[in-house]
Every structure is written in C-alpha cells, then in structure tokens.
Protein backbone atom coordinates (compact mmCIF):
# COMPACT_ATOMS: atom_id res chain seq x y z
CA MET A 1 -1.22 3.24 189.52
CA PRO A 2 -0.27 1.66 186.17
CA ALA A 3 -2.83 -0.68 184.68
CA SER A 4 -0.63 -2.99 182.61
CA SER A 5 2.49 -5.04 183.22
CA ARG A 6 4.31 -7.89 181.52
CA PHE A 7 7.34 -10.07 182.14
CA LEU A 8 10.18 -8.90 179.91
CA LEU A 9 13.23 -11.14 180.41
CA SER A 10 15.61 -12.81 182.87
CA ALA A 11 19.24 -11.71 182.95
CA LEU A 12 22.21 -13.74 184.20
CA ALA A 13 24.88 -11.44 182.76
CA PRO A 14 25.21 -7.74 181.89
CA GLY A 15 24.88 -8.66 178.23
CA HIS A 16 21.36 -9.93 178.95
CA PHE A 17 20.11 -6.62 180.38
CA PRO A 18 17.41 -4.83 178.35
CA VAL A 19 18.44 -2.03 176.03
CA PRO A 20 18.41 1.09 178.24
CA GLY A 21 15.06 2.83 178.04
CA PRO A 22 12.62 3.94 180.73
CA PRO A 23 13.66 4.39 184.38
CA GLU A 24 14.28 1.12 186.22
CA ILE A 25 13.23 0.28 189.77
CA ALA A 26 15.34 -2.40 191.45
CA PHE A 27 13.81 -4.57 194.19
CA LEU A 28 16.33 -5.80 196.75
CA GLY A 29 15.86 -7.73 199.96
CA ARG A 30 16.74 -10.73 202.05
CA SER A 31 15.33 -14.05 200.97
CA ASN A 32 11.82 -14.59 202.35
CA VAL A 33 11.26 -10.87 202.99
CA GLY A 34 8.17 -10.95 200.75
CA LYS A 35 9.75 -9.42 197.66
CA SER A 36 7.79 -11.45 195.10
CA SER A 37 4.56 -10.93 197.03
CA LEU A 38 5.07 -7.16 197.02
CA LEU A 39 5.94 -7.16 193.32
CA ASN A 40 2.75 -9.07 192.52
CA ALA A 41 0.69 -6.74 194.71
CA LEU A 42 2.11 -3.68 192.94
CA LEU A 43 1.67 -5.22 189.50
CA GLY A 44 -1.80 -6.53 190.25
CA SER A 45 -0.81 -9.94 188.89
CA ARG A 46 1.05 -13.12 189.80
CA GLN A 47 3.96 -12.64 187.39
CA ALA A 48 6.66 -12.76 190.06
CA HIS A 49 7.00 -16.35 191.29
CA VAL A 50 6.38 -16.79 195.01
CA SER A 51 8.27 -19.84 196.25
CA SER A 52 7.91 -21.67 199.57
CA THR A 53 11.69 -22.15 199.45
CA PRO A 54 13.63 -18.89 200.00
CA GLY A 55 16.37 -18.02 197.53
CA ARG A 56 14.82 -19.46 194.36
CA THR A 57 15.29 -16.30 192.29
CA ARG A 58 18.78 -16.50 190.76
CA ALA A 59 18.46 -14.06 187.83
CA ILE A 60 17.46 -10.42 187.59
CA ASN A 61 13.89 -10.59 186.29
CA PHE A 62 12.64 -7.53 184.41
CA PHE A 63 8.99 -6.45 184.13
CA ALA A 64 7.65 -3.68 181.88
CA VAL A 65 5.04 -1.48 183.56
CA SER A 66 2.82 0.88 181.56
CA ASP A 67 -0.35 2.92 182.05
CA HIS A 68 -2.15 0.96 179.33
CA ALA A 69 -1.43 -2.27 177.45
CA ASP A 70 -1.03 -0.45 174.13
CA GLN A 71 1.46 2.11 175.51
CA PRO A 72 5.25 1.91 175.96
CA ALA A 73 6.61 1.02 179.37
CA ARG A 74 6.60 3.85 181.87
CA VAL A 75 9.11 2.09 184.13
CA LEU A 76 10.82 -1.29 184.35
CA PHE A 77 10.84 -3.32 187.56
CA ALA A 78 14.03 -5.34 188.18
CA ASP A 79 13.61 -8.20 190.67
CA LEU A 80 17.07 -9.05 192.05
CA PRO A 81 17.99 -12.33 193.77
CA GLY A 82 17.44 -12.43 197.52
CA TYR A 83 20.39 -12.49 199.88
CA GLY A 84 21.17 -13.70 203.38
CA TYR A 85 19.63 -17.19 203.30
CA ALA A 86 22.13 -19.64 204.79
CA LYS A 87 21.51 -22.60 202.47
CA ILE A 88 22.15 -20.64 199.29
CA SER A 89 24.25 -17.72 200.50
CA LYS A 90 27.48 -19.05 198.98
CA SER A 91 26.02 -19.58 195.52
CA ILE A 92 24.24 -16.23 195.55
CA SER A 93 27.34 -14.40 196.77
CA ALA A 94 29.31 -16.05 193.97
CA GLU A 95 26.82 -14.66 191.43
CA TRP A 96 26.72 -11.11 192.79
CA PRO A 97 30.06 -9.93 191.36
CA SER A 98 29.26 -11.30 187.89
CA PHE A 99 26.07 -9.42 187.12
CA ILE A 100 24.39 -7.83 190.15
CA ASP A 101 27.26 -5.58 191.19
CA PRO A 102 27.62 -4.19 187.64
CA TYR A 103 23.87 -3.62 187.53
CA LEU A 104 23.84 -1.63 190.76
CA ARG A 105 27.02 0.30 189.99
CA ASP A 106 26.88 0.92 186.26
CA ARG A 107 23.31 0.62 184.94
CA PRO A 108 22.55 4.07 183.46
CA THR A 109 18.75 3.73 183.69
CA LEU A 110 18.60 2.47 187.28
CA ALA A 111 16.66 5.31 188.91
CA LEU A 112 15.61 3.91 192.29
CA CYS A 113 16.33 0.93 194.54
CA LEU A 114 13.48 -0.38 196.70
CA CYS A 115 15.17 -2.02 199.67
CA LEU A 116 12.78 -4.39 201.41
CA VAL A 117 13.13 -5.31 205.08
CA ASP A 118 10.82 -7.32 207.33
CA ALA A 119 9.17 -4.75 209.60
CA ASN A 120 8.62 -7.42 212.29
CA ILE A 121 12.25 -8.22 213.06
CA PRO A 122 15.29 -6.15 214.11
CA ALA A 123 17.48 -4.56 211.48
CA GLN A 124 19.83 -7.12 209.90
CA SER A 125 23.52 -6.58 209.17
CA SER A 126 23.07 -7.74 205.57
CA ASP A 127 20.45 -5.03 205.02
CA ALA A 128 22.80 -2.42 206.46
CA GLN A 129 25.53 -3.66 204.12
CA ILE A 130 23.28 -3.29 201.07
CA LEU A 131 22.39 0.27 202.06
CA ALA A 132 26.10 1.04 202.53
CA ILE A 133 26.81 -0.23 199.01
CA LEU A 134 24.02 1.89 197.54
CA ARG A 135 25.24 4.98 199.36
CA ASP A 136 28.79 4.26 198.17
CA VAL A 137 27.76 4.12 194.50
CA GLY A 138 25.37 7.05 194.82
CA ARG A 139 22.12 5.17 194.23
CA GLN A 140 18.85 6.63 195.42
CA PHE A 141 16.89 4.19 197.57
CA LEU A 142 13.56 3.86 199.35
CA LEU A 143 13.36 1.53 202.34
CA VAL A 144 10.12 -0.47 202.51
CA GLY A 145 9.11 -2.41 205.63
CA THR A 146 7.08 -5.45 204.53
CA LYS A 147 4.48 -7.56 206.35
CA ALA A 148 3.19 -4.51 208.22
CA ASP A 149 -0.22 -6.18 208.67
CA ARG A 150 1.36 -8.14 211.53
CA LEU A 151 2.04 -4.95 213.49
CA SER A 152 -0.32 -3.30 215.94
CA GLY A 153 -1.00 0.42 215.82
CA ASN A 154 1.68 1.20 218.42
CA GLY A 155 3.92 -1.46 216.91
CA ARG A 156 4.11 0.39 213.61
CA ALA A 157 5.70 3.47 215.13
CA LYS A 158 8.10 1.34 217.19
CA ALA A 159 9.07 -0.69 214.10
CA VAL A 160 9.80 2.43 212.06
CA SER A 161 11.90 3.90 214.86
CA ALA A 162 13.83 0.66 215.40
CA LEU A 163 14.55 0.17 211.71
CA ARG A 164 15.64 3.75 211.19
CA GLN A 165 18.01 3.49 214.15
CA GLY A 166 19.25 -0.03 213.39
CA LEU A 167 19.98 0.75 209.73
CA HIS A 168 21.48 4.17 210.50
CA LEU A 169 19.10 6.01 208.19
CA GLY A 170 19.50 9.70 207.60
CA GLU A 171 16.73 12.27 207.80
CA PRO A 172 13.32 10.99 206.57
CA GLN A 173 13.36 13.57 203.76
CA ALA A 174 16.63 12.16 202.41
CA GLU A 175 16.22 8.45 203.26
CA PRO A 176 12.49 7.68 203.54
CA LEU A 177 10.97 4.55 205.05
CA LEU A 178 7.48 3.24 204.29
CA LEU A 179 5.51 0.37 205.81
CA CYS A 180 3.29 -1.76 203.60
CA SER A 181 1.50 -5.09 203.37
CA ALA A 182 1.15 -7.17 200.23
CA LYS A 183 -1.55 -9.15 202.04
CA THR A 184 -3.90 -6.27 202.86
CA GLY A 185 -2.71 -3.68 200.34
CA ALA A 186 -1.94 -1.17 203.07
CA GLY A 187 0.76 1.28 202.02
CA LEU A 188 0.84 0.25 198.34
CA LYS A 189 -0.48 3.60 197.12
CA GLU A 190 2.25 5.35 199.08
CA VAL A 191 4.88 3.06 197.55
CA TRP A 192 3.59 3.83 194.05
CA SER A 193 3.54 7.55 194.82
CA SER A 194 7.13 7.45 196.02
CA ILE A 195 8.24 5.41 193.02
CA PHE A 196 6.94 7.99 190.57
CA SER A 197 8.12 10.92 192.69
CA LEU A 198 11.64 9.57 193.06
CA ALA A 199 12.19 7.54 189.89
CA ALA A 200 13.02 10.21 187.35
CA PRO A 201 15.72 9.36 184.79
CA PRO A 202 19.14 9.49 186.49
CA SER A 203 20.06 12.66 184.57
CA ALA A 204 17.00 14.53 185.79
CA THR A 205 16.44 16.28 189.07
CA VAL A 206 13.11 16.07 190.89
CA PRO A 207 12.09 17.29 194.32
CA ARG A 208 12.00 14.60 196.98
CA PRO A 209 8.55 13.89 198.44
CA ALA A 210 7.59 14.87 201.95
CA PRO A 211 8.41 12.10 204.46
CA LEU A 212 5.70 9.47 204.53
CA SER A 213 6.75 7.60 207.65
C-alpha cells in the first residue's frame, strides 16, 4: 500500500479540478456511511475530516497518493459530498448538477468509483440510483460495504447476498463487492488490491481481478 499522501485541493466547480494526471479514484456514499473514516484508514492519516454531523463535505476534496513522499502521485483520491441525508439533501442535490455530475460524466482521468454502502442495513434506493448513473455513463465501480466489524461470521455472507440482490448487482467478476472496516482494518488490503487492479488509466485495458466477495 502507498506510504505517502497529501491533501491537494477542494473543488466547487469543474474549473477547480486538478490538471488531469494520474488515475483518479472517486469515493461516493450516503452521508454517515463512514466515507471519511475509510479514506483516513486507507491513507494512514487523518486528512479527511470526520464530522459528527453528516453531510459536512460540500466540495470534492482531492488527495495525492504516492509510494514515497519524494515521488509523483500514483493515484488521486476524490472525496465527493455525501448524499441522502434529509437535513441537507436539498442543498446537496442543488450542487450536484453544477460540478459533481460533470466530474462523474466527463472527467477523463476518473478510473474507478468506490461506492460505499453500510453493510449493516438494507440496500437503499439512493445507492441504487448512484449505481444506475455510473452504469449509464460507463464508469467502472467497486462496491464497498463499510462497518463490517459489526457483522458476525454468518452475518457477513448474509449482508453480501442482501446487498448484491438489493442493488441488482451483476456477476461478482463484473461488479465486485467487498466488506471492510475502518475501525479494525479488516478488508483494507483487499480494497487497495482492487484499486490498483481496476484503476488503470481510462484508455488502458486491464484484466478484472477474481471476485473477492
């Protein structure tokens, strides 16, 4: 896993996006799904702000990730605003067309979308809608079930089955699903492995990994 990361910038408009460079990994998920916690666990730092109030992230926050501090970024992480939280849903939905939709549809270096869902609750309609959008625009995605430390051994298999069915996922080879925990670190190596297996530049073709769930 990469050893160095740094906050790059916050973008509130397409003109604020970084100059296209290394492959970008977008993190999407409902508010309070544990997106910032997972980002921090993957980065090995506390760069992504974890708020007690869901929906605080309003910009796309970019992080440069490299193997060593003195090397260029290997990938960029893009932390997108959360969705689906009632108190801020109107303001967030008003911002989506202005800079998030163009990012998901048009960004040439967006290589992979990590779609985070809470593994402890049933599939949500808003998550299904996001996956439908990504399929519509041809974006490759990896579904990640968060907070897996709260599941028992048997509960993990049941959660995977329920999420796959509730979100109408295709075959595991084509639309993989991983479980992980930012709290215990379980599944993080598998997430990293999938990121670097799947996140080739959009113009390149790489074999998909064997199903991990």
